[in-house]
């Protein structure tokens, strides 16, 4: 598992894409995140544009309690909800990337969001870390 300026990442090796997606859904659920949206970009771009893209899935994950706390501080947080978790096929396997919830604090400039962002980030890190197990 890795962390960069904008995301939290993990790579699943030797796992078929559909199985990886199910593992990610389960790992997110284990940390209190429901998947509110699923966007199959591969199928969408094939249908709408006739182009081929590697397996690419965007899951819109939301932990309702954390989202509520953040919205109570700043209603603009809805612009960053749900938290996107992207799965895409790479040569090494399936790369999983989650948006860093600290972007909530940066976006709003409201330091009082740090606690909710820290909890969301810790839960996302735990979910992605569990994929390696």
Protein backbone atom coordinates (compact mmCIF):
# COMPACT_ATOMS: atom_id res chain seq x y z
CA UNK A 1 0.00 0.00 0.00
CA UNK A 2 1.23 3.48 -0.85
CA UNK A 3 0.16 7.07 -0.28
CA UNK A 4 0.77 10.10 -2.47
CA UNK A 5 -0.43 13.69 -2.49
CA UNK A 6 -3.90 12.79 -3.72
CA UNK A 7 -4.57 9.16 -2.99
CA UNK A 8 -4.09 5.92 -1.13
CA UNK A 9 -3.12 2.98 -3.33
CA UNK A 10 -2.76 -0.78 -3.30
CA UNK A 11 -2.09 -3.35 -6.02
CA UNK A 12 -3.63 -6.80 -6.18
CA UNK A 13 -1.50 -9.25 -8.13
CA UNK A 14 -2.70 -12.54 -9.56
CA UNK A 15 -6.35 -11.61 -9.02
CA UNK A 16 -8.87 -11.39 -11.87
CA UNK A 17 -10.46 -7.96 -12.20
CA UNK A 18 -14.01 -8.99 -11.19
CA UNK A 19 -12.66 -10.82 -8.13
CA UNK A 20 -10.54 -7.79 -7.21
CA UNK A 21 -13.62 -5.56 -7.44
CA UNK A 22 -15.52 -7.85 -5.08
CA UNK A 23 -12.61 -7.87 -2.63
CA UNK A 24 -12.53 -4.06 -2.67
CA UNK A 25 -16.30 -3.83 -2.06
CA UNK A 26 -15.95 -6.24 0.89
CA UNK A 27 -12.94 -4.39 2.32
CA UNK A 28 -14.77 -1.06 2.10
CA UNK A 29 -17.85 -2.53 3.79
CA UNK A 30 -15.63 -3.82 6.58
CA UNK A 31 -14.64 -0.22 7.29
CA UNK A 32 -18.21 1.13 7.22
CA UNK A 33 -18.26 2.34 3.60
CA UNK A 34 -21.21 1.61 1.37
CA UNK A 35 -20.74 1.71 -2.39
CA UNK A 36 -23.34 4.20 -3.64
CA UNK A 37 -22.26 4.29 -7.28
CA UNK A 38 -20.37 2.10 -9.70
CA UNK A 39 -19.15 3.44 -13.02
CA UNK A 40 -17.75 0.91 -15.49
CA UNK A 41 -15.68 3.31 -17.59
CA UNK A 42 -14.52 0.51 -19.87
CA UNK A 43 -18.09 -0.35 -20.92
CA UNK A 44 -19.20 3.29 -21.03
CA UNK A 45 -16.39 4.42 -23.33
CA UNK A 46 -16.83 1.35 -25.53
CA UNK A 47 -20.57 2.04 -25.91
CA UNK A 48 -20.46 5.83 -26.18
CA UNK A 49 -17.22 6.38 -28.09
CA UNK A 50 -16.25 3.02 -29.55
CA UNK A 51 -12.88 3.15 -27.81
CA UNK A 52 -11.19 0.44 -25.79
CA UNK A 53 -9.89 1.09 -22.29
CA UNK A 54 -8.33 -1.36 -19.86
CA UNK A 55 -10.64 -2.67 -17.13
CA UNK A 56 -11.48 0.54 -15.24
CA UNK A 57 -14.11 0.80 -12.50
CA UNK A 58 -14.97 3.77 -10.29
CA UNK A 59 -16.68 2.99 -6.97
CA UNK A 60 -18.34 5.85 -5.10
CA UNK A 61 -17.79 4.90 -1.45
CA UNK A 62 -19.45 6.65 1.47
CA UNK A 63 -19.24 6.22 5.22
CA UNK A 64 -22.53 7.88 6.23
CA UNK A 65 -21.47 8.89 9.74
CA UNK A 66 -18.26 10.54 8.55
CA UNK A 67 -20.03 12.20 5.60
CA UNK A 68 -22.66 13.63 7.94
CA UNK A 69 -20.03 15.06 10.29
CA UNK A 70 -18.21 16.67 7.38
CA UNK A 71 -21.43 18.11 5.91
CA UNK A 72 -22.29 19.63 9.27
CA UNK A 73 -19.01 21.58 9.10
CA UNK A 74 -19.29 22.62 5.44
CA UNK A 75 -22.09 21.81 3.02
CA UNK A 76 -19.66 22.17 0.08
CA UNK A 77 -18.24 18.77 1.05
CA UNK A 78 -20.93 17.29 -1.19
CA UNK A 79 -18.69 18.28 -4.10
CA UNK A 80 -16.20 15.67 -2.89
CA UNK A 81 -18.75 12.95 -2.06
CA UNK A 82 -18.84 10.07 -2.43
CA UNK A 83 -15.18 9.22 -2.05
CA UNK A 84 -13.98 7.72 -5.33
CA UNK A 85 -12.14 4.43 -5.28
CA UNK A 86 -10.74 3.51 -8.69
CA UNK A 87 -9.78 0.04 -9.84
CA UNK A 88 -7.83 -0.33 -13.07
CA UNK A 89 -5.95 -3.07 -14.80
CA UNK A 90 -2.18 -2.53 -14.89
CA UNK A 91 0.59 -4.90 -16.00
CA UNK A 92 1.23 -5.91 -12.35
CA UNK A 93 -2.45 -6.75 -11.68
CA UNK A 94 -5.23 -4.48 -10.44
CA UNK A 95 -4.32 -1.05 -9.09
CA UNK A 96 -6.71 0.30 -6.45
CA UNK A 97 -6.61 4.03 -5.70
CA UNK A 98 -8.73 5.91 -3.17
CA UNK A 99 -9.10 9.67 -2.95
CA UNK A 100 -7.29 11.10 0.07
CA UNK A 101 -10.00 12.51 2.37
CA UNK A 102 -7.51 15.21 3.45
CA UNK A 103 -8.57 16.92 0.22
CA UNK A 104 -11.71 17.92 2.17
CA UNK A 105 -9.60 20.09 4.46
CA UNK A 106 -7.54 21.52 1.60
CA UNK A 107 -10.62 22.20 -0.54
CA UNK A 108 -12.56 24.04 2.15
CA UNK A 109 -9.73 25.54 4.18
CA UNK A 110 -11.66 24.41 7.28
CA UNK A 111 -9.26 22.81 9.79
CA UNK A 112 -12.22 21.58 11.84
CA UNK A 113 -12.74 18.97 9.11
CA UNK A 114 -9.39 17.37 9.94
CA UNK A 115 -10.84 14.88 12.44
CA UNK A 116 -13.42 13.52 9.99
CA UNK A 117 -10.82 13.47 7.21
CA UNK A 118 -8.33 11.63 9.44
CA UNK A 119 -10.91 8.99 10.33
CA UNK A 120 -11.99 8.52 6.72
CA UNK A 121 -8.37 8.27 5.59
CA UNK A 122 -7.53 5.75 8.32
CA UNK A 123 -10.53 3.61 7.35
CA UNK A 124 -9.64 3.76 3.64
CA UNK A 125 -6.03 2.88 4.41
CA UNK A 126 -7.21 -0.07 6.53
CA UNK A 127 -9.54 -1.24 3.76
CA UNK A 128 -6.81 -1.12 1.12
CA UNK A 129 -4.22 -2.65 3.47
CA UNK A 130 -6.58 -5.60 4.07
CA UNK A 131 -6.50 -6.39 0.35
CA UNK A 132 -2.94 -7.62 0.66
CA UNK A 133 -3.94 -10.18 3.29
